[in-house]
C-alpha cells in the first residue's frame, strides 16, 4: 500500500475518533550556496536506494509530538511522505542539482555488498534513518521547537559490489518563538533535514571517494 494511502487512512481514522494531531510538509530545498558542482569529466550514474527507517519508535508514521502542561502529547505526522521517502528524495534532489546523472529508479537495499545489483549504475547510495523527530513544547509566552535528524549513508561501487565508505551525520536545529503554528514546525523540521543532507556532501572525503570510483570506470 502506498504511503499516501496509508496516511490518508490514518488521518481519517484519527479524525473519526476526534483525536487531535498535527502534520508538517517536509520538503527539502538545497540552498544554492551549499551546492558543490559535480566533476562531470567522467560520466557517472548514481542510484539512490530507499533509506531504511530504523527509528526506535512504536509508530513509524509519527515523527514527533506537541507537548503542553497537564495535557497528553499530540502526535505530529508528515503531511505527504514517510521519513524514508522524504530522506531519499532529499538525497536525490541534492545530487541532481550538483549535476550528477541520477537514476530514476529507487530500489530497496539492505546495505550488504552481495545484494548489490549490476543494474544500479556506477554508484549505489543507501542508508539508515536513526532519528527523525520534532518536539514542540508550548510554554507560554515562548513556544520551543526542537528537531533532530540522524542518518547513516553508505556509498558502494556497483561494478565491484563493494562498499567504499559510510558517513554518519546529524543535525538538531531549534527555534523559540511566541507563535505556535504548523508552519513553524515545518520550518524547523525542514532545517534539520537540509542540514543533515548537506553535511553528507560537504564532507571532502565523500567527494574524493566519488571521484575515485569514477576514475576506476
N, C-alpha and C. Protein backbone atom coordinates (compact mmCIF):
# COMPACT_ATOMS: atom_id res chain seq x y z
N UNK A 1 0.85 -1.19 0.00
CA UNK A 1 0.00 0.00 0.00
C UNK A 1 0.88 1.24 0.00
N UNK A 2 0.55 2.24 -0.81
CA UNK A 2 1.36 3.44 -0.93
C UNK A 2 1.29 4.27 0.34
N UNK A 3 2.40 4.99 0.66
CA UNK A 3 2.44 5.79 1.89
C UNK A 3 1.31 6.79 2.00
N UNK A 4 0.97 7.45 0.87
CA UNK A 4 -0.08 8.45 0.93
C UNK A 4 -1.42 7.83 1.26
N UNK A 5 -1.65 6.61 0.75
CA UNK A 5 -2.90 5.91 1.04
C UNK A 5 -2.96 5.56 2.52
N UNK A 6 -1.83 5.06 3.03
CA UNK A 6 -1.75 4.70 4.45
C UNK A 6 -2.02 5.93 5.30
N UNK A 7 -1.37 7.04 4.95
CA UNK A 7 -1.54 8.26 5.73
C UNK A 7 -2.97 8.75 5.68
N UNK A 8 -3.60 8.66 4.52
CA UNK A 8 -4.99 9.10 4.39
C UNK A 8 -5.91 8.28 5.29
N UNK A 9 -5.67 6.96 5.31
CA UNK A 9 -6.48 6.10 6.16
C UNK A 9 -6.28 6.44 7.63
N UNK A 10 -5.01 6.69 8.00
CA UNK A 10 -4.73 7.02 9.40
C UNK A 10 -5.38 8.34 9.79
N UNK A 11 -5.28 9.33 8.92
CA UNK A 11 -5.88 10.63 9.22
C UNK A 11 -7.39 10.52 9.35
N UNK A 12 -8.01 9.71 8.48
CA UNK A 12 -9.45 9.53 8.55
C UNK A 12 -9.85 8.84 9.84
N UNK A 13 -9.07 7.80 10.21
CA UNK A 13 -9.37 7.07 11.43
C UNK A 13 -9.26 7.97 12.66
N UNK A 14 -8.16 8.75 12.69
CA UNK A 14 -7.95 9.64 13.82
C UNK A 14 -9.02 10.71 13.89
N UNK A 15 -9.40 11.22 12.70
CA UNK A 15 -10.42 12.26 12.64
C UNK A 15 -11.74 11.76 13.19
N UNK A 16 -12.10 10.54 12.80
CA UNK A 16 -13.36 9.96 13.28
C UNK A 16 -13.33 9.76 14.78
N UNK A 17 -12.17 9.47 15.30
CA UNK A 17 -12.04 9.24 16.74
C UNK A 17 -11.93 10.55 17.51
N UNK A 18 -11.90 11.67 16.77
CA UNK A 18 -11.80 13.00 17.38
C UNK A 18 -10.55 13.17 18.24
N UNK A 19 -9.46 12.56 17.77
CA UNK A 19 -8.18 12.73 18.45
C UNK A 19 -7.37 13.76 17.67
N UNK A 20 -6.91 14.85 18.31
CA UNK A 20 -6.19 15.87 17.57
C UNK A 20 -4.81 15.40 17.13
N UNK A 21 -4.30 15.97 16.05
CA UNK A 21 -2.95 15.71 15.61
C UNK A 21 -2.50 16.88 14.75
N UNK A 22 -1.20 16.93 14.49
CA UNK A 22 -0.64 17.96 13.63
C UNK A 22 0.11 17.27 12.50
N UNK A 23 0.25 17.97 11.38
CA UNK A 23 1.02 17.43 10.26
C UNK A 23 1.92 18.51 9.70
N UNK A 24 3.09 18.09 9.21
CA UNK A 24 4.05 19.03 8.64
C UNK A 24 4.43 18.57 7.23
N UNK A 25 4.64 19.54 6.36
CA UNK A 25 5.02 19.28 4.97
C UNK A 25 6.53 19.37 4.87
N UNK A 26 7.19 18.22 4.87
CA UNK A 26 8.65 18.20 4.83
C UNK A 26 9.10 18.17 3.38
N UNK A 27 9.74 19.24 2.94
CA UNK A 27 10.14 19.38 1.54
C UNK A 27 11.52 19.99 1.48
N UNK A 28 12.53 19.15 1.36
CA UNK A 28 13.92 19.61 1.37
C UNK A 28 14.22 20.50 0.16
N UNK A 29 14.82 21.65 0.44
CA UNK A 29 15.27 22.55 -0.61
C UNK A 29 16.75 22.82 -0.39
N UNK A 30 17.57 22.49 -1.40
CA UNK A 30 19.00 22.67 -1.27
C UNK A 30 19.39 24.13 -1.45
N UNK A 31 20.00 24.76 -0.45
CA UNK A 31 20.48 26.14 -0.64
C UNK A 31 21.52 26.19 -1.76
N UNK A 32 21.38 27.12 -2.67
CA UNK A 32 22.28 27.18 -3.82
C UNK A 32 23.73 27.37 -3.39
N UNK A 33 23.96 28.08 -2.31
CA UNK A 33 25.34 28.32 -1.88
C UNK A 33 25.96 27.10 -1.21
N UNK A 34 25.17 26.05 -1.03
CA UNK A 34 25.70 24.82 -0.43
C UNK A 34 26.06 23.78 -1.50
N UNK A 35 25.73 24.05 -2.75
CA UNK A 35 25.94 23.07 -3.81
C UNK A 35 27.41 22.98 -4.19
N UNK A 36 27.93 21.77 -4.21
CA UNK A 36 29.29 21.51 -4.68
C UNK A 36 29.16 20.89 -6.08
N UNK A 37 29.53 21.62 -7.14
CA UNK A 37 29.35 21.10 -8.51
C UNK A 37 30.03 19.76 -8.70
N UNK A 38 29.37 18.87 -9.43
CA UNK A 38 29.93 17.55 -9.69
C UNK A 38 31.07 17.62 -10.69
N UNK A 39 31.98 16.67 -10.61
CA UNK A 39 33.03 16.52 -11.62
C UNK A 39 32.41 15.74 -12.78
N UNK A 40 32.05 16.44 -13.83
CA UNK A 40 31.34 15.79 -14.95
C UNK A 40 32.30 15.36 -16.06
N UNK A 41 33.61 15.38 -15.78
CA UNK A 41 34.57 14.95 -16.79
C UNK A 41 34.43 13.46 -17.10
N UNK A 42 33.95 12.71 -16.11
CA UNK A 42 33.68 11.29 -16.29
C UNK A 42 32.20 11.04 -16.06
N UNK A 43 31.57 10.41 -17.02
CA UNK A 43 30.15 10.11 -16.87
C UNK A 43 29.96 9.11 -15.74
N UNK A 44 29.08 9.45 -14.83
CA UNK A 44 28.89 8.62 -13.65
C UNK A 44 27.40 8.52 -13.36
N UNK A 45 26.90 7.30 -13.27
CA UNK A 45 25.49 7.09 -12.97
C UNK A 45 25.34 6.67 -11.52
N UNK A 46 24.50 7.42 -10.79
CA UNK A 46 24.30 7.16 -9.36
C UNK A 46 22.86 6.74 -9.12
N UNK A 47 22.69 5.68 -8.36
CA UNK A 47 21.36 5.24 -7.93
C UNK A 47 21.24 5.45 -6.43
N UNK A 48 20.10 6.00 -6.02
CA UNK A 48 19.85 6.20 -4.59
C UNK A 48 18.77 5.21 -4.15
N UNK A 49 19.13 4.34 -3.22
CA UNK A 49 18.18 3.37 -2.69
C UNK A 49 17.33 4.02 -1.60
N UNK A 50 16.19 3.42 -1.33
CA UNK A 50 15.32 3.92 -0.28
C UNK A 50 16.02 3.80 1.08
N UNK A 51 16.08 4.89 1.82
CA UNK A 51 16.70 4.84 3.14
C UNK A 51 15.81 4.04 4.10
N UNK A 52 16.45 3.18 4.88
CA UNK A 52 15.75 2.31 5.80
C UNK A 52 15.42 3.05 7.09
N UNK A 53 14.19 2.95 7.52
CA UNK A 53 13.74 3.63 8.74
C UNK A 53 14.01 2.72 9.94
N UNK A 54 15.06 3.01 10.68
CA UNK A 54 15.45 2.20 11.84
C UNK A 54 15.16 2.91 13.16
N UNK A 55 14.30 3.92 13.11
CA UNK A 55 13.98 4.64 14.34
C UNK A 55 13.35 3.72 15.37
N UNK A 56 13.71 3.93 16.61
CA UNK A 56 13.17 3.13 17.71
C UNK A 56 11.88 3.78 18.21
N UNK A 57 10.82 3.65 17.41
CA UNK A 57 9.53 4.25 17.75
C UNK A 57 8.43 3.20 17.54
N UNK A 58 7.32 3.37 18.22
CA UNK A 58 6.21 2.43 18.11
C UNK A 58 5.49 2.55 16.77
N UNK A 59 5.37 3.77 16.27
CA UNK A 59 4.64 4.02 15.04
C UNK A 59 5.54 4.79 14.09
N UNK A 60 5.94 4.16 12.98
CA UNK A 60 6.88 4.79 12.05
C UNK A 60 6.27 5.96 11.29
N UNK A 61 4.96 6.14 11.36
CA UNK A 61 4.33 7.29 10.72
C UNK A 61 4.43 8.55 11.58
N UNK A 62 4.65 8.40 12.85
CA UNK A 62 4.73 9.54 13.76
C UNK A 62 6.16 10.08 13.78
N UNK A 63 6.32 11.41 13.62
CA UNK A 63 7.66 12.00 13.59
C UNK A 63 7.89 12.97 14.74
N UNK A 64 6.97 13.03 15.69
CA UNK A 64 7.19 13.92 16.82
C UNK A 64 5.93 14.14 17.63
N UNK A 65 5.96 15.16 18.48
CA UNK A 65 4.81 15.42 19.33
C UNK A 65 4.82 16.87 19.80
N UNK A 66 3.61 17.34 20.11
CA UNK A 66 3.42 18.66 20.69
C UNK A 66 3.07 18.45 22.16
N UNK A 67 3.79 19.13 23.04
CA UNK A 67 3.61 18.92 24.47
C UNK A 67 3.18 20.22 25.14
N UNK A 68 2.20 20.08 26.04
CA UNK A 68 1.70 21.21 26.79
C UNK A 68 1.41 20.76 28.21
N UNK A 69 1.65 21.60 29.17
CA UNK A 69 1.50 21.24 30.57
C UNK A 69 0.11 20.69 30.86
N UNK A 70 0.07 19.58 31.60
CA UNK A 70 -1.18 18.98 32.06
C UNK A 70 -2.07 18.46 30.93
N UNK A 71 -1.47 18.20 29.76
CA UNK A 71 -2.23 17.64 28.64
C UNK A 71 -1.44 16.48 28.03
N UNK A 72 -2.16 15.57 27.39
CA UNK A 72 -1.49 14.47 26.71
C UNK A 72 -0.75 14.99 25.48
N UNK A 73 0.42 14.41 25.16
CA UNK A 73 1.14 14.82 23.95
C UNK A 73 0.29 14.57 22.70
N UNK A 74 0.38 15.48 21.74
CA UNK A 74 -0.35 15.35 20.48
C UNK A 74 0.65 14.95 19.39
N UNK A 75 0.39 13.87 18.65
CA UNK A 75 1.35 13.40 17.65
C UNK A 75 1.47 14.33 16.45
N UNK A 76 2.67 14.32 15.85
CA UNK A 76 2.94 15.04 14.61
C UNK A 76 3.22 14.01 13.53
N UNK A 77 2.54 14.14 12.39
CA UNK A 77 2.71 13.24 11.26
C UNK A 77 3.20 14.02 10.05
N UNK A 78 3.91 13.35 9.13
CA UNK A 78 4.26 14.02 7.88
C UNK A 78 3.01 14.17 7.02
N UNK A 79 2.93 15.28 6.30
CA UNK A 79 1.72 15.55 5.53
C UNK A 79 1.62 14.70 4.27
N UNK A 80 2.77 14.45 3.60
CA UNK A 80 2.72 13.77 2.31
C UNK A 80 3.58 12.52 2.21
N UNK A 81 4.77 12.51 2.82
CA UNK A 81 5.70 11.41 2.62
C UNK A 81 6.25 10.88 3.95
N UNK A 82 6.51 9.59 3.98
CA UNK A 82 7.13 8.98 5.15
C UNK A 82 8.57 9.50 5.27
N UNK A 83 9.20 9.36 6.44
CA UNK A 83 10.61 9.75 6.57
C UNK A 83 11.51 9.05 5.55
N UNK A 84 11.28 7.77 5.27
CA UNK A 84 12.10 7.05 4.29
C UNK A 84 12.05 7.72 2.93
N UNK A 85 10.85 8.02 2.48
CA UNK A 85 10.68 8.65 1.17
C UNK A 85 11.26 10.06 1.18
N UNK A 86 11.03 10.79 2.26
CA UNK A 86 11.50 12.17 2.35
C UNK A 86 13.02 12.26 2.28
N UNK A 87 13.72 11.43 3.06
CA UNK A 87 15.18 11.46 3.05
C UNK A 87 15.72 11.03 1.69
N UNK A 88 15.15 9.99 1.12
CA UNK A 88 15.59 9.51 -0.18
C UNK A 88 15.43 10.59 -1.25
N UNK A 89 14.29 11.25 -1.26
CA UNK A 89 14.05 12.33 -2.21
C UNK A 89 15.03 13.48 -2.00
N UNK A 90 15.37 13.76 -0.76
CA UNK A 90 16.31 14.85 -0.47
C UNK A 90 17.70 14.55 -1.02
N UNK A 91 18.16 13.31 -0.82
CA UNK A 91 19.48 12.93 -1.33
C UNK A 91 19.49 12.98 -2.85
N UNK A 92 18.44 12.47 -3.48
CA UNK A 92 18.34 12.53 -4.93
C UNK A 92 18.34 13.98 -5.42
N UNK A 93 17.58 14.82 -4.74
CA UNK A 93 17.48 16.21 -5.13
C UNK A 93 18.82 16.91 -5.07
N UNK A 94 19.59 16.65 -4.03
CA UNK A 94 20.91 17.27 -3.90
C UNK A 94 21.80 16.83 -5.07
N UNK A 95 21.86 15.54 -5.33
CA UNK A 95 22.73 15.03 -6.39
C UNK A 95 22.32 15.56 -7.76
N UNK A 96 21.03 15.65 -8.01
CA UNK A 96 20.56 16.20 -9.28
C UNK A 96 21.03 17.63 -9.48
N UNK A 97 20.96 18.42 -8.42
CA UNK A 97 21.35 19.83 -8.53
C UNK A 97 22.85 20.01 -8.69
N UNK A 98 23.63 19.03 -8.24
CA UNK A 98 25.08 19.14 -8.42
C UNK A 98 25.50 18.85 -9.85
N UNK A 99 24.64 18.15 -10.60
CA UNK A 99 24.98 17.83 -11.98
C UNK A 99 25.24 16.36 -12.25
N UNK A 100 25.15 15.52 -11.21
CA UNK A 100 25.33 14.09 -11.43
C UNK A 100 24.14 13.50 -12.18
N UNK A 101 24.39 12.40 -12.86
CA UNK A 101 23.31 11.65 -13.50
C UNK A 101 22.73 10.70 -12.46
N UNK A 102 21.50 10.95 -12.07
CA UNK A 102 20.85 10.16 -11.02
C UNK A 102 19.75 9.30 -11.64
N UNK A 103 19.80 8.02 -11.34
CA UNK A 103 18.80 7.08 -11.87
C UNK A 103 17.41 7.41 -11.34
N UNK A 104 16.41 7.16 -12.17
CA UNK A 104 15.03 7.40 -11.74
C UNK A 104 14.53 6.28 -10.84
N UNK A 105 15.22 5.15 -10.85
CA UNK A 105 14.80 4.03 -10.01
C UNK A 105 15.21 4.26 -8.57
N UNK A 106 14.45 3.69 -7.66
CA UNK A 106 14.76 3.79 -6.22
C UNK A 106 14.60 2.40 -5.62
N UNK A 107 15.62 1.56 -5.73
CA UNK A 107 15.50 0.18 -5.24
C UNK A 107 15.55 0.10 -3.72
N UNK A 108 15.10 -1.03 -3.21
CA UNK A 108 15.33 -1.34 -1.80
C UNK A 108 16.70 -1.99 -1.68
N UNK A 109 17.45 -1.65 -0.65
CA UNK A 109 18.79 -2.20 -0.47
C UNK A 109 19.04 -2.38 1.02
N UNK A 110 19.52 -3.57 1.39
CA UNK A 110 19.78 -3.84 2.80
C UNK A 110 21.21 -3.47 3.22
N UNK A 111 21.94 -2.78 2.34
CA UNK A 111 23.27 -2.23 2.59
C UNK A 111 24.38 -3.29 2.65
N UNK A 112 24.10 -4.52 2.19
CA UNK A 112 25.13 -5.54 2.11
C UNK A 112 25.69 -5.59 0.69
N UNK A 113 26.97 -5.92 0.58
CA UNK A 113 27.62 -5.94 -0.74
C UNK A 113 27.03 -7.00 -1.67
N UNK A 114 26.71 -8.17 -1.13
CA UNK A 114 26.25 -9.25 -2.00
C UNK A 114 24.84 -9.03 -2.56
N UNK A 115 24.15 -8.00 -2.07
CA UNK A 115 22.81 -7.72 -2.60
C UNK A 115 22.81 -6.60 -3.64
N UNK A 116 24.00 -6.08 -3.97
CA UNK A 116 24.12 -5.03 -4.99
C UNK A 116 23.84 -5.63 -6.37
N UNK A 117 23.05 -4.96 -7.16
CA UNK A 117 22.69 -5.44 -8.50
C UNK A 117 23.36 -4.59 -9.57
N UNK A 118 23.79 -5.24 -10.64
CA UNK A 118 24.57 -4.55 -11.68
C UNK A 118 23.76 -3.48 -12.40
N UNK A 119 22.43 -3.54 -12.33
CA UNK A 119 21.59 -2.56 -13.00
C UNK A 119 21.58 -1.22 -12.27
N UNK A 120 22.28 -1.11 -11.15
CA UNK A 120 22.23 0.09 -10.33
C UNK A 120 23.25 1.14 -10.73
N UNK A 121 23.79 1.07 -11.92
CA UNK A 121 24.70 2.10 -12.40
C UNK A 121 26.10 1.93 -11.88
N UNK A 122 26.77 3.04 -11.57
CA UNK A 122 28.15 3.01 -11.12
C UNK A 122 28.28 3.07 -9.61
N UNK A 123 27.43 3.88 -8.98
CA UNK A 123 27.46 4.03 -7.52
C UNK A 123 26.05 3.86 -6.98
N UNK A 124 25.93 3.11 -5.90
CA UNK A 124 24.66 2.99 -5.19
C UNK A 124 24.83 3.67 -3.83
N UNK A 125 23.89 4.53 -3.51
CA UNK A 125 23.89 5.21 -2.21
C UNK A 125 22.63 4.79 -1.46
N UNK A 126 22.80 4.29 -0.28
CA UNK A 126 21.67 3.93 0.57
C UNK A 126 21.98 4.36 1.99
N UNK A 127 21.14 3.93 2.91
CA UNK A 127 21.44 4.31 4.29
C UNK A 127 20.32 4.01 5.26
N UNK A 128 20.52 4.45 6.48
CA UNK A 128 19.56 4.21 7.56
C UNK A 128 19.18 5.54 8.21
N UNK A 129 17.94 5.60 8.65
CA UNK A 129 17.46 6.74 9.42
C UNK A 129 17.39 6.31 10.88
N UNK A 130 18.17 6.95 11.73
CA UNK A 130 18.20 6.60 13.15
C UNK A 130 17.31 7.52 13.99
N UNK A 131 17.25 8.77 13.58
CA UNK A 131 16.38 9.73 14.27
C UNK A 131 15.78 10.69 13.24
N UNK A 132 14.52 11.01 13.44
CA UNK A 132 13.81 11.94 12.58
C UNK A 132 12.63 12.45 13.40
N UNK A 133 12.89 13.49 14.18
CA UNK A 133 11.93 13.84 15.23
C UNK A 133 11.79 15.35 15.40
N UNK A 134 10.58 15.75 15.72
CA UNK A 134 10.28 17.15 16.04
C UNK A 134 9.51 17.19 17.35
N UNK A 135 10.02 17.95 18.30
CA UNK A 135 9.35 18.13 19.59
C UNK A 135 8.99 19.61 19.74
N UNK A 136 7.74 19.87 20.02
CA UNK A 136 7.28 21.24 20.23
C UNK A 136 6.71 21.34 21.64
N UNK A 137 7.27 22.24 22.44
CA UNK A 137 6.82 22.42 23.81
C UNK A 137 6.14 23.78 23.93
N UNK A 138 4.87 23.76 24.28
CA UNK A 138 4.11 25.01 24.40
C UNK A 138 4.21 25.52 25.83
N UNK A 139 5.16 26.42 26.04
CA UNK A 139 5.38 27.03 27.35
C UNK A 139 5.21 28.53 27.20
N UNK A 140 4.05 29.04 27.51
CA UNK A 140 3.80 30.47 27.34
C UNK A 140 4.73 31.30 28.22
N UNK A 141 5.27 32.40 27.71
CA UNK A 141 4.93 33.02 26.43
C UNK A 141 5.77 32.53 25.25
N UNK A 142 6.70 31.57 25.46
CA UNK A 142 7.59 31.12 24.39
C UNK A 142 7.26 29.68 23.99
N UNK A 143 7.16 29.45 22.69
CA UNK A 143 6.97 28.10 22.15
C UNK A 143 8.35 27.58 21.72
N UNK A 144 8.69 26.41 22.20
CA UNK A 144 10.02 25.86 21.89
C UNK A 144 9.89 24.73 20.86
N UNK A 145 10.56 24.91 19.74
CA UNK A 145 10.58 23.92 18.66
C UNK A 145 11.98 23.28 18.62
N UNK A 146 12.04 21.95 18.67
CA UNK A 146 13.32 21.24 18.63
C UNK A 146 13.20 20.07 17.64
N UNK A 147 14.12 20.02 16.68
CA UNK A 147 14.12 18.93 15.70
C UNK A 147 15.46 18.20 15.74
N UNK A 148 15.45 16.95 15.32
CA UNK A 148 16.69 16.18 15.28
C UNK A 148 16.61 15.15 14.16
N UNK A 149 17.65 15.13 13.32
CA UNK A 149 17.77 14.14 12.25
C UNK A 149 19.15 13.50 12.35
N UNK A 150 19.18 12.18 12.35
CA UNK A 150 20.46 11.46 12.40
C UNK A 150 20.43 10.35 11.36
N UNK A 151 21.41 10.36 10.45
CA UNK A 151 21.42 9.44 9.32
C UNK A 151 22.78 8.75 9.18
N UNK A 152 22.75 7.57 8.58
CA UNK A 152 23.96 6.92 8.09
C UNK A 152 23.78 6.73 6.59
N UNK A 153 24.78 7.15 5.81
CA UNK A 153 24.74 6.95 4.36
C UNK A 153 25.86 6.01 3.96
N UNK A 154 25.55 5.08 3.06
CA UNK A 154 26.51 4.09 2.59
C UNK A 154 26.72 4.27 1.10
N UNK A 155 27.99 4.35 0.68
CA UNK A 155 28.34 4.54 -0.72
C UNK A 155 29.06 3.28 -1.20
N UNK A 156 28.58 2.69 -2.30
CA UNK A 156 29.19 1.45 -2.78
C UNK A 156 29.45 1.52 -4.28
N UNK A 157 30.53 0.84 -4.69
CA UNK A 157 30.89 0.69 -6.10
C UNK A 157 30.08 -0.48 -6.66
N UNK A 158 29.23 -0.20 -7.63
CA UNK A 158 28.35 -1.25 -8.16
C UNK A 158 29.14 -2.32 -8.91
N UNK A 159 30.07 -1.92 -9.77
CA UNK A 159 30.83 -2.88 -10.58
C UNK A 159 31.61 -3.85 -9.70
N UNK A 160 32.20 -3.34 -8.63
CA UNK A 160 32.97 -4.18 -7.72
C UNK A 160 32.12 -4.83 -6.64
N UNK A 161 30.85 -4.40 -6.54
CA UNK A 161 29.95 -4.87 -5.49
C UNK A 161 30.64 -4.75 -4.13
N UNK A 162 31.09 -3.51 -3.87
CA UNK A 162 31.89 -3.28 -2.66
C UNK A 162 31.55 -1.92 -2.05
N UNK A 163 31.27 -1.93 -0.75
CA UNK A 163 31.05 -0.69 -0.02
C UNK A 163 32.37 0.05 0.12
N UNK A 164 32.38 1.32 -0.26
CA UNK A 164 33.60 2.11 -0.20
C UNK A 164 33.71 2.92 1.10
N UNK A 165 32.60 3.41 1.59
CA UNK A 165 32.66 4.16 2.84
C UNK A 165 31.27 4.44 3.37
N UNK A 166 31.22 4.78 4.66
CA UNK A 166 29.98 5.15 5.32
C UNK A 166 30.17 6.51 5.97
N UNK A 167 29.09 7.27 6.03
CA UNK A 167 29.14 8.60 6.63
C UNK A 167 27.98 8.72 7.62
N UNK A 168 28.27 9.18 8.83
CA UNK A 168 27.24 9.45 9.83
C UNK A 168 27.09 10.95 10.00
N UNK A 169 25.85 11.42 9.90
CA UNK A 169 25.61 12.86 10.08
C UNK A 169 24.40 13.06 10.99
N UNK A 170 24.36 14.22 11.62
CA UNK A 170 23.21 14.56 12.44
C UNK A 170 23.04 16.07 12.49
N UNK A 171 21.84 16.50 12.77
CA UNK A 171 21.57 17.92 12.93
C UNK A 171 20.47 18.08 13.96
N UNK A 172 20.49 19.23 14.66
CA UNK A 172 19.50 19.44 15.72
C UNK A 172 19.17 20.93 15.86
N UNK A 173 18.54 21.51 14.85
CA UNK A 173 18.17 22.93 14.95
C UNK A 173 17.03 23.15 15.94
N UNK A 174 16.91 24.39 16.38
CA UNK A 174 15.84 24.72 17.31
C UNK A 174 15.34 26.13 17.04
N UNK A 175 14.19 26.44 17.59
CA UNK A 175 13.60 27.76 17.42
C UNK A 175 12.71 28.07 18.62
N UNK A 176 12.90 29.23 19.18
CA UNK A 176 12.00 29.73 20.22
C UNK A 176 11.20 30.88 19.63
N UNK A 177 9.88 30.78 19.74
CA UNK A 177 9.03 31.78 19.09
C UNK A 177 7.78 32.01 19.93
N UNK A 178 7.19 33.17 19.77
CA UNK A 178 5.98 33.48 20.55
C UNK A 178 4.73 32.88 19.92
N UNK A 179 4.83 32.47 18.66
CA UNK A 179 3.66 31.92 17.97
C UNK A 179 3.77 30.40 17.83
N UNK A 180 2.62 29.74 17.91
CA UNK A 180 2.57 28.31 17.67
C UNK A 180 1.81 28.06 16.37
N UNK A 181 2.50 27.52 15.36
CA UNK A 181 1.87 27.23 14.08
C UNK A 181 2.50 25.97 13.48
N UNK A 182 1.75 25.31 12.61
CA UNK A 182 2.31 24.18 11.87
C UNK A 182 3.41 24.66 10.94
N UNK A 183 3.30 25.90 10.48
CA UNK A 183 4.34 26.45 9.62
C UNK A 183 5.68 26.53 10.30
N UNK A 184 5.70 26.92 11.58
CA UNK A 184 6.96 26.96 12.34
C UNK A 184 7.51 25.55 12.54
N UNK A 185 6.63 24.60 12.79
CA UNK A 185 7.09 23.21 12.94
C UNK A 185 7.72 22.72 11.63
N UNK A 186 7.07 23.05 10.52
CA UNK A 186 7.59 22.67 9.21
C UNK A 186 8.96 23.28 8.97
N UNK A 187 9.09 24.55 9.31
CA UNK A 187 10.36 25.26 9.10
C UNK A 187 11.52 24.59 9.84
N UNK A 188 11.31 24.26 11.10
CA UNK A 188 12.38 23.67 11.90
C UNK A 188 12.71 22.25 11.42
N UNK A 189 11.69 21.47 11.08
CA UNK A 189 11.93 20.11 10.60
C UNK A 189 12.66 20.11 9.26
N UNK A 190 12.28 21.03 8.38
CA UNK A 190 12.97 21.14 7.09
C UNK A 190 14.42 21.57 7.28
N UNK A 191 14.66 22.47 8.23
CA UNK A 191 16.04 22.89 8.51
C UNK A 191 16.88 21.70 8.97
N UNK A 192 16.29 20.84 9.79
CA UNK A 192 17.02 19.67 10.29
C UNK A 192 17.39 18.72 9.15
N UNK A 193 16.43 18.47 8.26
CA UNK A 193 16.69 17.58 7.12
C UNK A 193 17.74 18.18 6.20
N UNK A 194 17.60 19.47 5.87
CA UNK A 194 18.54 20.12 4.97
C UNK A 194 19.96 20.09 5.53
N UNK A 195 20.10 20.38 6.82
CA UNK A 195 21.43 20.40 7.43
C UNK A 195 22.08 19.02 7.37
N UNK A 196 21.30 17.97 7.64
CA UNK A 196 21.85 16.61 7.63
C UNK A 196 22.29 16.21 6.22
N UNK A 197 21.44 16.45 5.22
CA UNK A 197 21.79 16.06 3.84
C UNK A 197 22.97 16.87 3.34
N UNK A 198 22.99 18.17 3.64
CA UNK A 198 24.13 18.99 3.21
C UNK A 198 25.43 18.49 3.80
N UNK A 199 25.41 18.04 5.05
CA UNK A 199 26.63 17.54 5.70
C UNK A 199 27.17 16.30 4.99
N UNK A 200 26.28 15.50 4.42
CA UNK A 200 26.72 14.30 3.71
C UNK A 200 27.70 14.65 2.60
N UNK A 201 27.39 15.72 1.87
CA UNK A 201 28.17 16.03 0.68
C UNK A 201 29.14 17.20 0.87
N UNK A 202 29.10 17.84 2.03
CA UNK A 202 30.12 18.84 2.34
C UNK A 202 31.41 18.16 2.78
N UNK A 203 31.31 16.89 3.14
CA UNK A 203 32.47 16.12 3.58
C UNK A 203 33.39 15.87 2.37
N UNK A 204 34.60 16.40 2.42
CA UNK A 204 35.51 16.28 1.28
C UNK A 204 35.85 14.82 1.00
N UNK A 205 35.87 13.99 2.03
CA UNK A 205 36.17 12.57 1.82
C UNK A 205 35.13 11.93 0.91
N UNK A 206 33.87 12.33 1.07
CA UNK A 206 32.80 11.80 0.22
C UNK A 206 33.07 12.12 -1.24
N UNK A 207 33.40 13.36 -1.52
CA UNK A 207 33.65 13.77 -2.90
C UNK A 207 34.90 13.12 -3.47
N UNK A 208 35.92 12.93 -2.65
CA UNK A 208 37.12 12.25 -3.11
C UNK A 208 36.83 10.80 -3.48
N UNK A 209 36.02 10.13 -2.67
CA UNK A 209 35.68 8.73 -2.95
C UNK A 209 34.85 8.61 -4.22
N UNK A 210 33.92 9.55 -4.41
CA UNK A 210 33.11 9.52 -5.63
C UNK A 210 34.00 9.70 -6.86
N UNK A 211 34.95 10.63 -6.76
CA UNK A 211 35.87 10.84 -7.89
C UNK A 211 36.75 9.61 -8.12
N UNK A 212 37.15 8.95 -7.03
CA UNK A 212 37.98 7.75 -7.16
C UNK A 212 37.24 6.63 -7.87
N UNK A 213 35.97 6.44 -7.53
CA UNK A 213 35.16 5.42 -8.19
C UNK A 213 35.00 5.76 -9.67
N UNK A 214 34.82 7.04 -9.97
CA UNK A 214 34.67 7.46 -11.36
C UNK A 214 35.93 7.13 -12.17
N UNK A 215 37.10 7.34 -11.58
CA UNK A 215 38.36 7.08 -12.29
C UNK A 215 38.59 5.59 -12.53
N UNK A 216 37.97 4.74 -11.71
CA UNK A 216 38.14 3.29 -11.86
C UNK A 216 37.26 2.70 -12.96
N UNK A 217 36.38 3.51 -13.48
CA UNK A 217 35.45 3.00 -14.51
C UNK A 217 36.21 2.56 -15.77
